[in-house]
């Protein structure tokens, strides 16, 4: 079982633009492949921040169309880190939480039943897991796009000594890079 931060990023290290838009992502050619489906088949629980959840609500219209959540994620439990009340997608297995990621990670491990945990985003949330030694792997789909600003992939200093490159492969215009992450010293 691994806790994985799987995300797309631009050449200049942003996962969303300054308006929290992912429009840049949908313009990049994936070469007719869907690496996410293979990845998600190994996921037993996942977590995201409020901004990511709100993007899904707005972009996918998941409140009006719950199947936009249920089709890709099914009943896989999701933890939403937030400091405010957010609407619940009908039929989704959601847990709204706040605070320290460590006790939530323990809940996620139990719920995942031996499968992997996916940290969807944003980068600050993934960084909190890394800060506590709870991030095992980073998988970046690097796209040939530059934004010049926005939400960084990991908004903190983590030195190269904590990362070991374990995989690199092209998929369409993306370069998928996989790194093992060691705990902080």
Protein backbone atom coordinates (compact mmCIF):
# COMPACT_ATOMS: atom_id res chain seq x y z
CA UNK A 1 0.00 0.00 0.00
CA UNK A 2 1.28 3.46 -0.96
CA UNK A 3 0.11 7.01 -0.44
CA UNK A 4 0.49 8.61 -3.85
CA UNK A 5 0.27 12.18 -5.12
CA UNK A 6 -0.77 11.73 -8.76
CA UNK A 7 -1.27 14.95 -10.66
CA UNK A 8 -0.69 16.77 -13.93
CA UNK A 9 1.67 19.72 -13.96
CA UNK A 10 2.97 22.24 -16.42
CA UNK A 11 6.63 22.63 -17.43
CA UNK A 12 6.86 25.50 -14.94
CA UNK A 13 5.40 23.48 -12.05
CA UNK A 14 1.75 24.55 -11.75
CA UNK A 15 -1.28 22.29 -11.36
CA UNK A 16 -3.86 25.05 -11.96
CA UNK A 17 -3.71 28.60 -13.25
CA UNK A 18 -4.20 31.74 -11.16
CA UNK A 19 -8.00 31.34 -11.45
CA UNK A 20 -7.87 27.66 -10.34
CA UNK A 21 -8.66 26.63 -13.91
CA UNK A 22 -7.50 23.37 -15.47
CA UNK A 23 -8.44 24.41 -19.01
CA UNK A 24 -4.76 24.13 -19.98
CA UNK A 25 -4.84 20.42 -19.11
CA UNK A 26 -7.66 19.50 -21.48
CA UNK A 27 -5.79 21.02 -24.44
CA UNK A 28 -2.87 18.55 -24.12
CA UNK A 29 -2.90 15.43 -26.33
CA UNK A 30 -2.87 12.17 -24.33
CA UNK A 31 -2.25 10.10 -27.44
CA UNK A 32 -5.59 8.33 -27.07
CA UNK A 33 -4.53 6.74 -23.78
CA UNK A 34 -6.10 6.97 -20.33
CA UNK A 35 -3.40 6.31 -17.70
CA UNK A 36 -5.76 7.49 -14.94
CA UNK A 37 -8.08 4.48 -15.30
CA UNK A 38 -5.18 2.06 -14.72
CA UNK A 39 -3.96 4.16 -11.79
CA UNK A 40 -7.39 4.46 -10.12
CA UNK A 41 -7.97 0.70 -10.30
CA UNK A 42 -5.42 0.40 -7.47
CA UNK A 43 -6.96 3.12 -5.27
CA UNK A 44 -8.88 2.28 -2.08
CA UNK A 45 -9.32 5.82 -0.68
CA UNK A 46 -8.49 9.36 -1.72
CA UNK A 47 -8.24 12.90 -0.37
CA UNK A 48 -8.48 16.40 -1.79
CA UNK A 49 -8.65 19.97 -0.63
CA UNK A 50 -11.72 22.18 -0.75
CA UNK A 51 -10.55 24.06 -3.85
CA UNK A 52 -10.23 20.82 -5.80
CA UNK A 53 -13.65 19.64 -4.59
CA UNK A 54 -15.23 22.96 -5.55
CA UNK A 55 -13.62 22.74 -8.99
CA UNK A 56 -15.24 19.32 -9.45
CA UNK A 57 -18.60 20.67 -8.30
CA UNK A 58 -18.38 23.58 -10.75
CA UNK A 59 -16.71 21.93 -13.72
CA UNK A 60 -18.42 18.54 -13.56
CA UNK A 61 -21.78 19.85 -12.21
CA UNK A 62 -21.70 16.92 -9.78
CA UNK A 63 -24.54 18.19 -7.57
CA UNK A 64 -26.95 18.20 -10.52
CA UNK A 65 -25.31 15.19 -12.17
CA UNK A 66 -23.95 12.84 -9.45
CA UNK A 67 -22.92 10.31 -12.09
CA UNK A 68 -20.07 12.68 -13.02
CA UNK A 69 -18.58 11.71 -9.63
CA UNK A 70 -19.95 8.18 -9.28
CA UNK A 71 -18.84 6.92 -12.71
CA UNK A 72 -15.11 7.55 -12.24
CA UNK A 73 -14.91 7.07 -8.43
CA UNK A 74 -17.80 4.74 -7.56
CA UNK A 75 -18.13 4.20 -3.81
CA UNK A 76 -14.40 4.69 -3.14
CA UNK A 77 -14.27 6.78 0.05
CA UNK A 78 -13.02 10.35 -0.32
CA UNK A 79 -11.84 12.75 2.38
CA UNK A 80 -12.33 16.45 1.69
CA UNK A 81 -10.13 18.79 3.74
CA UNK A 82 -12.03 22.03 4.32
CA UNK A 83 -12.61 24.82 6.84
CA UNK A 84 -16.13 25.57 5.60
CA UNK A 85 -19.41 23.83 4.89
CA UNK A 86 -19.57 22.32 1.41
CA UNK A 87 -22.46 20.62 -0.37
CA UNK A 88 -22.53 16.82 -0.52
CA UNK A 89 -22.71 15.04 -3.88
CA UNK A 90 -25.69 12.66 -3.67
CA UNK A 91 -24.58 9.03 -3.36
CA UNK A 92 -20.86 9.84 -2.97
CA UNK A 93 -18.89 8.34 -0.06
CA UNK A 94 -17.52 11.64 1.32
CA UNK A 95 -15.90 12.54 4.64
CA UNK A 96 -15.42 16.26 5.34
CA UNK A 97 -12.45 16.85 7.65
CA UNK A 98 -10.09 19.55 8.86
CA UNK A 99 -6.85 19.82 10.74
CA UNK A 100 -3.96 17.42 11.10
CA UNK A 101 -3.54 14.97 8.21
CA UNK A 102 -2.09 12.18 10.41
CA UNK A 103 -5.32 10.89 12.01
CA UNK A 104 -7.13 11.22 8.69
CA UNK A 105 -4.39 9.24 6.98
CA UNK A 106 -4.88 6.46 9.54
CA UNK A 107 -8.63 6.41 8.72
CA UNK A 108 -7.85 6.30 5.01
CA UNK A 109 -5.40 3.41 5.44
CA UNK A 110 -8.09 1.41 7.26
CA UNK A 111 -10.72 2.23 4.63
CA UNK A 112 -8.39 1.44 1.69
CA UNK A 113 -8.13 -2.20 2.81
CA UNK A 114 -4.63 -2.70 1.41
CA UNK A 115 -5.11 -0.65 -1.74
CA UNK A 116 -3.31 2.63 -2.41
CA UNK A 117 -4.31 6.10 -1.23
CA UNK A 118 -4.48 8.90 -3.78
CA UNK A 119 -3.82 12.53 -2.86
CA UNK A 120 -5.67 14.37 -5.60
CA UNK A 121 -4.61 17.90 -4.74
CA UNK A 122 -3.84 20.52 -4.20
CA UNK A 123 -0.16 20.75 -3.69
CA UNK A 124 -0.43 22.22 -0.19
CA UNK A 125 -2.42 19.20 1.00
CA UNK A 126 0.08 16.79 -0.58
CA UNK A 127 2.85 18.81 1.05
CA UNK A 128 1.28 18.34 4.49
CA UNK A 129 1.34 14.58 4.00
CA UNK A 130 5.00 14.83 2.88
CA UNK A 131 5.86 16.96 5.92
CA UNK A 132 4.71 14.12 8.20
CA UNK A 133 6.39 11.32 6.23
CA UNK A 134 3.05 10.05 4.94
CA UNK A 135 3.72 10.49 1.21
CA UNK A 136 5.31 7.45 -0.46
CA UNK A 137 5.20 8.33 -4.15
CA UNK A 138 4.75 11.28 -6.51
CA UNK A 139 3.51 10.67 -10.04
CA UNK A 140 3.66 13.74 -12.27
CA UNK A 141 2.17 13.96 -15.73
CA UNK A 142 4.30 16.83 -17.06
CA UNK A 143 2.58 18.72 -19.88
CA UNK A 144 4.28 20.96 -22.46
CA UNK A 145 2.49 24.06 -21.18
CA UNK A 146 3.67 27.07 -19.17
CA UNK A 147 1.33 29.22 -17.08
CA UNK A 148 3.71 31.69 -15.44
CA UNK A 149 1.79 31.47 -12.17
CA UNK A 150 -0.94 29.65 -10.32
CA UNK A 151 -1.14 26.75 -7.86
CA UNK A 152 2.29 25.10 -7.51
CA UNK A 153 2.67 21.32 -7.62
CA UNK A 154 4.26 21.31 -4.12
CA UNK A 155 4.47 24.75 -2.47
CA UNK A 156 7.34 24.05 -0.09
CA UNK A 157 10.99 23.15 -0.14
CA UNK A 158 11.67 19.42 -0.35
CA UNK A 159 15.22 18.61 -1.36
CA UNK A 160 16.22 16.06 -3.97
CA UNK A 161 17.63 13.77 -1.28
CA UNK A 162 14.03 12.75 -0.46
CA UNK A 163 13.15 11.79 -4.04
CA UNK A 164 14.25 8.74 -6.04
CA UNK A 165 13.24 8.57 -9.70
CA UNK A 166 11.68 5.15 -10.32
CA UNK A 167 9.99 5.65 -13.67
CA UNK A 168 9.72 7.86 -16.74
CA UNK A 169 7.53 7.25 -19.77
CA UNK A 170 5.90 9.29 -22.53
CA UNK A 171 2.14 9.18 -23.01
CA UNK A 172 0.99 11.44 -25.82
CA UNK A 173 2.47 14.88 -25.11
CA UNK A 174 2.91 14.06 -21.40
CA UNK A 175 6.06 12.83 -19.69
CA UNK A 176 5.03 10.73 -16.69
CA UNK A 177 7.64 10.85 -13.94
CA UNK A 178 7.40 8.62 -10.86
CA UNK A 179 9.40 9.30 -7.70
CA UNK A 180 9.58 7.41 -4.42
CA UNK A 181 9.51 9.84 -1.48
CA UNK A 182 11.44 9.21 1.71
CA UNK A 183 10.33 10.69 5.05
CA UNK A 184 11.91 13.89 6.35
CA UNK A 185 15.16 13.41 8.24
